[in-house]
């Protein structure tokens, strides 16, 4: 993890200058790794940072497949990043679609205690019923040498 973190930070830093960016949060699930960097000047406007891991591998408990999810509020908007890895191959379209569905259904961010107010904040879910003011960014390893789409099959 440290290798990738240093590589990303090197890319975010101009030569002979301090970086304008800082690591907000990092999470990993076996081979999935998600870093969220933000401009330092934006930090005062970011709150309620949460994350969750959704394994979809063998018996839906193995982390060789699944998703890493991070959410936070920026001003009046909620932002959610999801990094996933699904089964490969055209013949696994139904399995991929199911993994996608599992991640959507299980992406619930646990309640946290706000350190400033000591109040419990509500849990957030990103289902179809809660999509106003939410920006979602979904990244997936689609095995670039394969020619399939997650939606190749009816779902």
C-alpha atoms as a PDB file:
ATOM      1  CA  UNK A   1       0.000   0.000   0.000  1.00  0.00           C
ATOM      2  CA  UNK A   2       2.778   2.392   0.873  1.00  0.00           C
ATOM      3  CA  UNK A   3       4.314   2.014  -2.592  1.00  0.00           C
ATOM      4  CA  UNK A   4       1.064   3.072  -4.314  1.00  0.00           C
ATOM      5  CA  UNK A   5       0.464   5.887  -1.852  1.00  0.00           C
ATOM      6  CA  UNK A   6       3.927   7.322  -2.501  1.00  0.00           C
ATOM      7  CA  UNK A   7       3.467   6.971  -6.266  1.00  0.00           C
ATOM      8  CA  UNK A   8       0.108   8.793  -6.225  1.00  0.00           C
ATOM      9  CA  UNK A   9       1.473  11.541  -3.983  1.00  0.00           C
ATOM     10  CA  UNK A  10       4.460  11.982  -6.283  1.00  0.00           C
ATOM     11  CA  UNK A  11       2.059  12.499  -9.198  1.00  0.00           C
ATOM     12  CA  UNK A  12       0.055  15.066  -7.207  1.00  0.00           C
ATOM     13  CA  UNK A  13       3.099  17.119  -6.274  1.00  0.00           C
ATOM     14  CA  UNK A  14       4.763  19.593  -8.617  1.00  0.00           C
ATOM     15  CA  UNK A  15       8.565  19.520  -8.656  1.00  0.00           C
ATOM     16  CA  UNK A  16      10.137  21.562  -5.826  1.00  0.00           C
ATOM     17  CA  UNK A  17       6.756  22.378  -4.283  1.00  0.00           C
ATOM     18  CA  UNK A  18       4.570  21.083  -1.500  1.00  0.00           C
ATOM     19  CA  UNK A  19       1.462  19.252  -2.604  1.00  0.00           C
ATOM     20  CA  UNK A  20      -1.857  21.091  -2.614  1.00  0.00           C
ATOM     21  CA  UNK A  21      -3.505  17.739  -1.886  1.00  0.00           C
ATOM     22  CA  UNK A  22      -3.884  15.623   1.210  1.00  0.00           C
ATOM     23  CA  UNK A  23      -5.057  12.074   1.720  1.00  0.00           C
ATOM     24  CA  UNK A  24      -8.607  12.141   3.064  1.00  0.00           C
ATOM     25  CA  UNK A  25      -9.054   8.371   3.443  1.00  0.00           C
ATOM     26  CA  UNK A  26      -7.749   5.084   2.087  1.00  0.00           C
ATOM     27  CA  UNK A  27      -9.353   1.636   2.162  1.00  0.00           C
ATOM     28  CA  UNK A  28      -8.460  -1.706   0.646  1.00  0.00           C
ATOM     29  CA  UNK A  29      -9.970  -5.139   0.159  1.00  0.00           C
ATOM     30  CA  UNK A  30      -7.362  -7.699  -0.884  1.00  0.00           C
ATOM     31  CA  UNK A  31      -6.224  -6.332  -4.292  1.00  0.00           C
ATOM     32  CA  UNK A  32      -8.644  -3.390  -4.420  1.00  0.00           C
ATOM     33  CA  UNK A  33      -7.267  -0.082  -3.214  1.00  0.00           C
ATOM     34  CA  UNK A  34      -9.051   3.251  -3.092  1.00  0.00           C
ATOM     35  CA  UNK A  35      -7.405   6.527  -2.121  1.00  0.00           C
ATOM     36  CA  UNK A  36      -9.352   9.779  -1.921  1.00  0.00           C
ATOM     37  CA  UNK A  37      -7.189  12.880  -2.063  1.00  0.00           C
ATOM     38  CA  UNK A  38      -8.595  16.387  -1.742  1.00  0.00           C
ATOM     39  CA  UNK A  39      -7.227  19.876  -2.073  1.00  0.00           C
ATOM     40  CA  UNK A  40      -6.132  21.078   1.346  1.00  0.00           C
ATOM     41  CA  UNK A  41      -8.151  24.262   0.889  1.00  0.00           C
ATOM     42  CA  UNK A  42     -11.364  22.195   0.610  1.00  0.00           C
ATOM     43  CA  UNK A  43     -10.900  20.259   3.862  1.00  0.00           C
ATOM     44  CA  UNK A  44     -12.996  22.653   6.002  1.00  0.00           C
ATOM     45  CA  UNK A  45     -16.005  21.902   3.748  1.00  0.00           C
ATOM     46  CA  UNK A  46     -15.707  18.110   3.949  1.00  0.00           C
ATOM     47  CA  UNK A  47     -17.498  16.163   6.661  1.00  0.00           C
ATOM     48  CA  UNK A  48     -19.004  12.789   7.499  1.00  0.00           C
ATOM     49  CA  UNK A  49     -16.317  10.664   5.820  1.00  0.00           C
ATOM     50  CA  UNK A  50     -17.234   6.972   5.875  1.00  0.00           C
ATOM     51  CA  UNK A  51     -16.267   3.765   4.150  1.00  0.00           C
ATOM     52  CA  UNK A  52     -17.390   0.187   3.758  1.00  0.00           C
ATOM     53  CA  UNK A  53     -16.088  -2.987   2.146  1.00  0.00           C
ATOM     54  CA  UNK A  54     -18.350  -5.325   0.165  1.00  0.00           C
ATOM     55  CA  UNK A  55     -16.799  -8.738  -0.593  1.00  0.00           C
ATOM     56  CA  UNK A  56     -18.577 -10.667  -3.374  1.00  0.00           C
ATOM     57  CA  UNK A  57     -16.117 -13.533  -3.853  1.00  0.00           C
ATOM     58  CA  UNK A  58     -16.655 -17.123  -2.728  1.00  0.00           C
ATOM     59  CA  UNK A  59     -19.770 -17.284  -0.491  1.00  0.00           C
ATOM     60  CA  UNK A  60     -19.845 -13.465  -0.603  1.00  0.00           C
ATOM     61  CA  UNK A  61     -17.202 -13.389   2.115  1.00  0.00           C
ATOM     62  CA  UNK A  62     -13.953 -13.720   0.187  1.00  0.00           C
ATOM     63  CA  UNK A  63     -12.391 -10.417  -0.810  1.00  0.00           C
ATOM     64  CA  UNK A  64     -10.963 -11.567  -4.133  1.00  0.00           C
ATOM     65  CA  UNK A  65     -13.999  -9.919  -5.768  1.00  0.00           C
ATOM     66  CA  UNK A  66     -16.105  -7.059  -4.485  1.00  0.00           C
ATOM     67  CA  UNK A  67     -16.082  -3.344  -3.836  1.00  0.00           C
ATOM     68  CA  UNK A  68     -14.438  -0.677  -1.715  1.00  0.00           C
ATOM     69  CA  UNK A  69     -16.777   2.246  -1.046  1.00  0.00           C
ATOM     70  CA  UNK A  70     -16.008   5.702   0.349  1.00  0.00           C
ATOM     71  CA  UNK A  71     -18.466   8.539   0.871  1.00  0.00           C
ATOM     72  CA  UNK A  72     -18.309  12.054   2.262  1.00  0.00           C
ATOM     73  CA  UNK A  73     -20.239  15.285   2.229  1.00  0.00           C
ATOM     74  CA  UNK A  74     -18.803  18.309   0.454  1.00  0.00           C
ATOM     75  CA  UNK A  75     -20.811  21.431   1.166  1.00  0.00           C
ATOM     76  CA  UNK A  76     -24.405  20.454   0.218  1.00  0.00           C
ATOM     77  CA  UNK A  77     -23.540  17.385  -1.851  1.00  0.00           C
ATOM     78  CA  UNK A  78     -22.765  13.779  -1.007  1.00  0.00           C
ATOM     79  CA  UNK A  79     -20.004  12.126  -3.000  1.00  0.00           C
ATOM     80  CA  UNK A  80     -19.502   8.381  -3.230  1.00  0.00           C
ATOM     81  CA  UNK A  81     -16.545   6.538  -4.782  1.00  0.00           C
ATOM     82  CA  UNK A  82     -16.733   2.806  -5.467  1.00  0.00           C
ATOM     83  CA  UNK A  83     -13.837   0.704  -6.716  1.00  0.00           C
ATOM     84  CA  UNK A  84     -14.776  -2.834  -7.721  1.00  0.00           C
ATOM     85  CA  UNK A  85     -13.435  -6.036  -9.206  1.00  0.00           C
ATOM     86  CA  UNK A  86     -15.815  -8.547 -10.801  1.00  0.00           C
ATOM     87  CA  UNK A  87     -15.504 -11.962 -12.405  1.00  0.00           C
ATOM     88  CA  UNK A  88     -13.873 -11.901 -15.834  1.00  0.00           C
ATOM     89  CA  UNK A  89     -14.985 -13.332 -19.166  1.00  0.00           C
ATOM     90  CA  UNK A  90     -18.047 -12.969 -21.363  1.00  0.00           C
ATOM     91  CA  UNK A  91     -19.482 -16.175 -19.915  1.00  0.00           C
ATOM     92  CA  UNK A  92     -19.547 -14.570 -16.437  1.00  0.00           C
ATOM     93  CA  UNK A  93     -21.904 -11.705 -17.369  1.00  0.00           C
ATOM     94  CA  UNK A  94     -24.694 -12.965 -15.104  1.00  0.00           C
ATOM     95  CA  UNK A  95     -22.229 -13.331 -12.200  1.00  0.00           C
ATOM     96  CA  UNK A  96     -20.853  -9.807 -12.829  1.00  0.00           C
ATOM     97  CA  UNK A  97     -24.337  -8.336 -12.911  1.00  0.00           C
ATOM     98  CA  UNK A  98     -25.102 -10.079  -9.615  1.00  0.00           C
ATOM     99  CA  UNK A  99     -21.874  -8.750  -8.056  1.00  0.00           C
ATOM    100  CA  UNK A 100     -22.820  -5.252  -9.227  1.00  0.00           C
ATOM    101  CA  UNK A 101     -26.281  -5.677  -7.678  1.00  0.00           C
ATOM    102  CA  UNK A 102     -24.831  -6.989  -4.399  1.00  0.00           C
ATOM    103  CA  UNK A 103     -22.542  -3.968  -4.099  1.00  0.00           C
ATOM    104  CA  UNK A 104     -25.432  -1.583  -4.774  1.00  0.00           C
ATOM    105  CA  UNK A 105     -27.663  -3.306  -2.231  1.00  0.00           C
ATOM    106  CA  UNK A 106     -25.027  -3.709   0.497  1.00  0.00           C
ATOM    107  CA  UNK A 107     -23.413  -0.294   0.232  1.00  0.00           C
ATOM    108  CA  UNK A 108     -24.589   0.995   3.560  1.00  0.00           C
ATOM    109  CA  UNK A 109     -22.237   3.187   5.517  1.00  0.00           C
ATOM    110  CA  UNK A 110     -22.353   2.501   9.242  1.00  0.00           C
ATOM    111  CA  UNK A 111     -23.409   5.147  11.712  1.00  0.00           C
ATOM    112  CA  UNK A 112     -20.652   7.159  13.278  1.00  0.00           C
ATOM    113  CA  UNK A 113     -20.391   9.442  16.263  1.00  0.00           C
ATOM    114  CA  UNK A 114     -19.622  13.048  15.423  1.00  0.00           C
ATOM    115  CA  UNK A 115     -16.613  13.927  17.586  1.00  0.00           C
ATOM    116  CA  UNK A 116     -17.724  17.556  17.879  1.00  0.00           C
ATOM    117  CA  UNK A 117     -21.320  17.025  18.953  1.00  0.00           C
ATOM    118  CA  UNK A 118     -21.154  13.448  20.331  1.00  0.00           C
ATOM    119  CA  UNK A 119     -24.395  12.797  18.415  1.00  0.00           C
ATOM    120  CA  UNK A 120     -24.973   9.649  16.419  1.00  0.00           C
ATOM    121  CA  UNK A 121     -25.288  10.362  12.720  1.00  0.00           C
ATOM    122  CA  UNK A 122     -27.652   8.319  10.580  1.00  0.00           C
ATOM    123  CA  UNK A 123     -26.416   5.642   8.245  1.00  0.00           C
ATOM    124  CA  UNK A 124     -26.315   6.417   4.567  1.00  0.00           C
ATOM    125  CA  UNK A 125     -27.349   4.092   1.816  1.00  0.00           C
ATOM    126  CA  UNK A 126     -26.962   4.639  -1.903  1.00  0.00           C
ATOM    127  CA  UNK A 127     -30.009   2.803  -3.180  1.00  0.00           C
ATOM    128  CA  UNK A 128     -32.284   4.183  -5.891  1.00  0.00           C
ATOM    129  CA  UNK A 129     -34.530   5.762  -3.238  1.00  0.00           C
ATOM    130  CA  UNK A 130     -31.757   8.038  -1.948  1.00  0.00           C
ATOM    131  CA  UNK A 131     -30.126   9.605  -4.985  1.00  0.00           C
ATOM    132  CA  UNK A 132     -30.766  13.335  -4.744  1.00  0.00           C
ATOM    133  CA  UNK A 133     -27.573  15.418  -4.499  1.00  0.00           C
ATOM    134  CA  UNK A 134     -25.365  12.321  -4.721  1.00  0.00           C
ATOM    135  CA  UNK A 135     -22.438  12.167  -7.094  1.00  0.00           C
ATOM    136  CA  UNK A 136     -21.332   8.566  -7.680  1.00  0.00           C
ATOM    137  CA  UNK A 137     -17.998   7.583  -9.213  1.00  0.00           C
ATOM    138  CA  UNK A 138     -17.670   3.877  -9.993  1.00  0.00           C
ATOM    139  CA  UNK A 139     -14.324   2.390 -11.033  1.00  0.00           C
ATOM    140  CA  UNK A 140     -13.993  -1.224 -12.142  1.00  0.00           C
ATOM    141  CA  UNK A 141     -11.278  -3.513 -13.406  1.00  0.00           C
ATOM    142  CA  UNK A 142     -12.885  -4.727 -16.619  1.00  0.00           C
ATOM    143  CA  UNK A 143      -9.811  -6.602 -17.797  1.00  0.00           C
ATOM    144  CA  UNK A 144      -9.033  -4.268 -20.695  1.00  0.00           C
ATOM    145  CA  UNK A 145      -8.147  -7.083 -23.062  1.00  0.00           C
ATOM    146  CA  UNK A 146     -11.668  -8.490 -22.720  1.00  0.00           C
ATOM    147  CA  UNK A 147     -14.530  -7.102 -24.760  1.00  0.00           C
ATOM    148  CA  UNK A 148     -17.545  -7.225 -22.529  1.00  0.00           C
ATOM    149  CA  UNK A 149     -19.798  -4.873 -20.707  1.00  0.00           C
ATOM    150  CA  UNK A 150     -21.303  -5.414 -17.285  1.00  0.00           C
ATOM    151  CA  UNK A 151     -24.715  -4.975 -18.922  1.00  0.00           C
ATOM    152  CA  UNK A 152     -24.235  -7.536 -21.729  1.00  0.00           C
ATOM    153  CA  UNK A 153     -27.010  -9.651 -20.224  1.00  0.00           C
ATOM    154  CA  UNK A 154     -30.580  -8.786 -19.263  1.00  0.00           C
ATOM    155  CA  UNK A 155     -30.888  -8.010 -15.573  1.00  0.00           C
END
